[in-house]
Amino acid sequence: EPGRAIWLGVWASFFGGLIGSAGLISRKLRIGTQESRWGQAVDLVVDVPHRTLGPALRLERAITDASRDLGLPVIYAFPNGQSSGLFRRLGYHFLGHLQRWTKPLSTLDFIRTHFKGLPAPRLAAFLLDSGLRLAACEWPRRRATRIRTAVLETFDHRFDDLWLRAAVRFPIIGDRSSAYLRW
């Protein structure tokens, strides 16, 4: 798609070893009814012995410079707790917390992590997983009769129709058109 950019910065030591890397991608975002391309800083990685402010700061400055060179008016990131101070120092502003909605396929790892003394973790996970599946709203017995499912080979105009209907419900949303999903 025209205008899409992926940029990778790599910092190597004087002796040739890789110290870290950071990436930049451009994303089409819809804010209200307006669409524009913004930059997203991604995948900041710095080798443990070099996790001082210097390497990470230099990598992320290279990313922000690249975003200007690519004509991206805004750059955003989803930093973890360790790197949020770095991003604030670079001029990023905290806008709010991100909600991630996921559904685990199995509770076994959760049970093993949080209930270490449980005598039969596999049995407990099986029982909990079974209960969660029975309560899930996507079970066929709860599916509305007007909804049909199909396996498609590609993302077609129906995804665009869904995207256009859904996008207006959110004040800020990243592109999910068929062109984006196929890239």
Protein backbone atom coordinates (compact mmCIF):
# COMPACT_ATOMS: atom_id res chain seq x y z
CA GLU A 1 0.00 0.00 0.00
CA PRO A 2 1.47 3.43 -0.87
CA GLY A 3 2.86 5.33 2.08
CA ARG A 4 3.47 2.32 4.27
CA ALA A 5 6.94 2.33 5.77
CA ILE A 6 8.87 0.00 7.97
CA TRP A 7 12.12 1.28 9.41
CA LEU A 8 14.57 -0.57 11.62
CA GLY A 9 17.37 1.01 13.62
CA VAL A 10 20.18 -1.22 14.84
CA TRP A 11 23.01 -0.23 17.13
CA ALA A 12 26.10 -2.39 17.19
CA SER A 13 29.08 -2.11 19.52
CA PHE A 14 32.52 -1.06 18.38
CA PHE A 15 33.49 -4.73 18.37
CA GLY A 16 30.61 -5.74 16.09
CA GLY A 17 28.16 -7.20 18.58
CA LEU A 18 24.52 -6.21 18.30
CA ILE A 19 23.43 -3.98 21.20
CA GLY A 20 19.86 -3.18 20.31
CA SER A 21 17.21 -2.34 17.75
CA ALA A 22 14.02 -0.35 17.40
CA GLY A 23 11.39 -0.19 14.68
CA LEU A 24 8.95 2.25 13.15
CA ILE A 25 5.86 1.42 11.14
CA SER A 26 3.33 3.76 9.66
CA ARG A 27 -0.32 3.12 10.36
CA LYS A 28 -3.45 4.63 8.92
CA LEU A 29 -5.65 5.80 11.78
CA ARG A 30 -9.14 7.17 11.81
CA ILE A 31 -9.86 9.94 14.29
CA GLY A 32 -13.52 10.79 14.09
CA THR A 33 -14.16 10.96 10.35
CA GLN A 34 -10.60 11.96 9.38
CA GLU A 35 -7.96 9.46 8.26
CA SER A 36 -4.22 10.09 8.41
CA ARG A 37 -0.96 8.17 8.65
CA TRP A 38 0.82 8.12 11.99
CA GLY A 39 4.05 6.44 13.07
CA GLN A 40 4.16 3.71 15.67
CA ALA A 41 7.44 3.07 17.48
CA VAL A 42 7.73 -0.69 17.94
CA ASP A 43 10.04 -3.38 19.24
CA LEU A 44 12.62 -1.46 21.26
CA VAL A 45 15.14 -4.10 22.34
CA VAL A 46 18.44 -3.44 24.12
CA ASP A 47 20.84 -6.16 25.27
CA VAL A 48 20.86 -6.50 29.08
CA PRO A 49 24.48 -5.34 29.69
CA HIS A 50 23.75 -2.15 27.72
CA ARG A 51 20.46 -1.18 29.35
CA THR A 52 21.49 2.27 30.30
CA LEU A 53 19.73 5.30 28.97
CA GLY A 54 22.29 5.88 26.18
CA PRO A 55 21.62 3.11 23.64
CA ALA A 56 17.84 3.12 24.03
CA LEU A 57 17.70 6.91 23.83
CA ARG A 58 19.81 6.98 20.66
CA LEU A 59 17.72 4.27 19.01
CA GLU A 60 14.43 5.98 19.80
CA ARG A 61 15.78 9.38 18.69
CA ALA A 62 16.63 7.74 15.37
CA ILE A 63 13.02 6.51 15.20
CA THR A 64 11.56 9.96 15.87
CA ASP A 65 13.91 11.49 13.27
CA ALA A 66 12.84 8.86 10.74
CA SER A 67 9.17 9.64 11.42
CA ARG A 68 9.82 13.29 10.50
CA ASP A 69 11.69 12.23 7.34
CA LEU A 70 8.73 10.02 6.36
CA GLY A 71 6.26 12.89 6.86
CA LEU A 72 4.42 11.25 9.75
CA PRO A 73 2.82 14.06 11.80
CA VAL A 74 2.49 12.02 15.02
CA ILE A 75 4.36 9.08 16.46
CA TYR A 76 2.98 6.90 19.25
CA ALA A 77 4.14 3.90 21.25
CA PHE A 78 2.98 1.36 23.81
CA PRO A 79 5.99 1.28 26.15
CA ASN A 80 6.36 -1.21 28.94
CA GLY A 81 7.06 -0.14 32.52
CA GLN A 82 10.84 -0.19 32.02
CA SER A 83 10.81 2.11 28.99
CA SER A 84 7.99 4.54 29.81
CA GLY A 85 10.43 7.04 31.39
CA LEU A 86 12.56 6.95 28.25
CA PHE A 87 9.57 7.79 26.08
CA ARG A 88 8.56 10.66 28.37
CA ARG A 89 12.11 12.04 28.13
CA LEU A 90 11.81 11.96 24.34
CA GLY A 91 8.66 14.08 24.49
CA TYR A 92 5.93 11.45 24.37
CA HIS A 93 2.83 12.23 26.42
CA PHE A 94 0.83 9.66 28.36
CA LEU A 95 -2.71 9.53 26.94
CA GLY A 96 -4.24 6.65 28.86
CA HIS A 97 -4.14 2.96 29.55
CA LEU A 98 -4.50 0.42 26.79
CA GLN A 99 -7.03 -2.34 27.28
CA ARG A 100 -6.05 -5.68 25.80
CA TRP A 101 -8.88 -8.10 25.39
CA THR A 102 -7.77 -11.67 25.02
CA LYS A 103 -9.33 -14.99 25.70
CA PRO A 104 -6.99 -17.72 26.91
CA LEU A 105 -7.34 -21.06 25.20
CA SER A 106 -6.25 -22.88 28.34
CA THR A 107 -5.98 -21.96 32.02
CA LEU A 108 -3.18 -24.45 32.74
CA ASP A 109 -0.34 -21.86 32.67
CA PHE A 110 -2.37 -19.50 34.88
CA ILE A 111 -3.04 -22.25 37.41
CA ARG A 112 0.60 -23.38 37.46
CA THR A 113 1.78 -19.79 37.98
CA HIS A 114 -0.71 -18.66 40.63
CA PHE A 115 -1.50 -21.91 42.43
CA LYS A 116 1.88 -23.62 42.69
CA GLY A 117 0.88 -26.00 45.48
CA LEU A 118 -2.22 -27.35 43.73
CA PRO A 119 -1.91 -31.17 43.61
CA ALA A 120 -3.58 -31.76 40.20
CA PRO A 121 -3.12 -28.67 38.01
CA ARG A 122 -4.15 -30.46 34.78
CA LEU A 123 -7.41 -31.65 36.31
CA ALA A 124 -8.13 -28.19 37.73
CA ALA A 125 -7.40 -26.60 34.33
CA PHE A 126 -9.66 -29.12 32.58
CA LEU A 127 -12.55 -28.36 34.95
CA LEU A 128 -12.04 -24.60 34.75
CA ASP A 129 -11.66 -24.66 30.95
CA SER A 130 -14.86 -26.72 30.63
CA GLY A 131 -16.78 -24.24 32.79
CA LEU A 132 -15.47 -21.28 30.80
CA ARG A 133 -16.44 -22.93 27.51
CA LEU A 134 -19.98 -23.60 28.74
CA ALA A 135 -20.35 -19.96 29.87
CA ALA A 136 -18.88 -18.51 26.64
CA CYS A 137 -21.21 -16.43 24.50
CA GLU A 138 -19.80 -17.77 21.22
CA TRP A 139 -21.16 -21.26 21.76
CA PRO A 140 -23.51 -22.34 18.94
CA ARG A 141 -26.45 -22.73 21.29
CA ARG A 142 -26.24 -19.01 22.05
CA ARG A 143 -25.54 -17.80 18.52
CA ALA A 144 -28.27 -15.70 16.97
CA THR A 145 -29.96 -17.51 14.08
CA ARG A 146 -29.24 -14.65 11.64
CA ILE A 147 -25.48 -15.05 12.01
CA ARG A 148 -23.67 -17.38 9.61
CA THR A 149 -20.04 -18.43 9.63
CA ALA A 150 -17.78 -19.15 6.68
CA VAL A 151 -14.12 -19.80 5.98
CA LEU A 152 -12.80 -17.30 3.42
CA GLU A 153 -9.65 -17.48 1.33
CA THR A 154 -9.04 -13.73 1.44
CA PHE A 155 -10.34 -10.49 2.95
CA ASP A 156 -12.98 -9.13 0.57
CA HIS A 157 -15.48 -6.26 0.34
CA ARG A 158 -17.44 -7.66 3.29
CA PHE A 159 -14.52 -6.75 5.56
CA ASP A 160 -14.61 -3.22 4.15
CA ASP A 161 -18.35 -3.01 4.81
CA LEU A 162 -17.82 -4.21 8.39
CA TRP A 163 -14.90 -1.80 8.82
CA LEU A 164 -16.94 1.19 7.65
CA ARG A 165 -19.82 0.31 10.00
CA ALA A 166 -17.57 -0.41 13.00
CA ALA A 167 -15.04 2.43 12.63
CA VAL A 168 -17.58 5.16 13.37
CA ARG A 169 -18.24 3.64 16.80
CA PHE A 170 -14.75 4.49 18.08
CA PRO A 171 -13.18 7.95 18.43
CA ILE A 172 -9.71 6.65 17.46
CA ILE A 173 -9.13 3.37 15.67
CA GLY A 174 -6.44 1.79 13.50
CA ASP A 175 -7.28 0.74 9.95
CA ARG A 176 -8.80 -2.73 9.60
CA SER A 177 -9.85 -2.56 5.94
CA SER A 178 -9.38 -5.48 3.57
CA ALA A 179 -6.28 -3.78 2.09
CA TYR A 180 -4.70 -3.52 5.54
CA LEU A 181 -5.60 -7.10 6.47
CA ARG A 182 -4.06 -8.42 3.21
CA TRP A 183 -0.74 -6.56 3.35
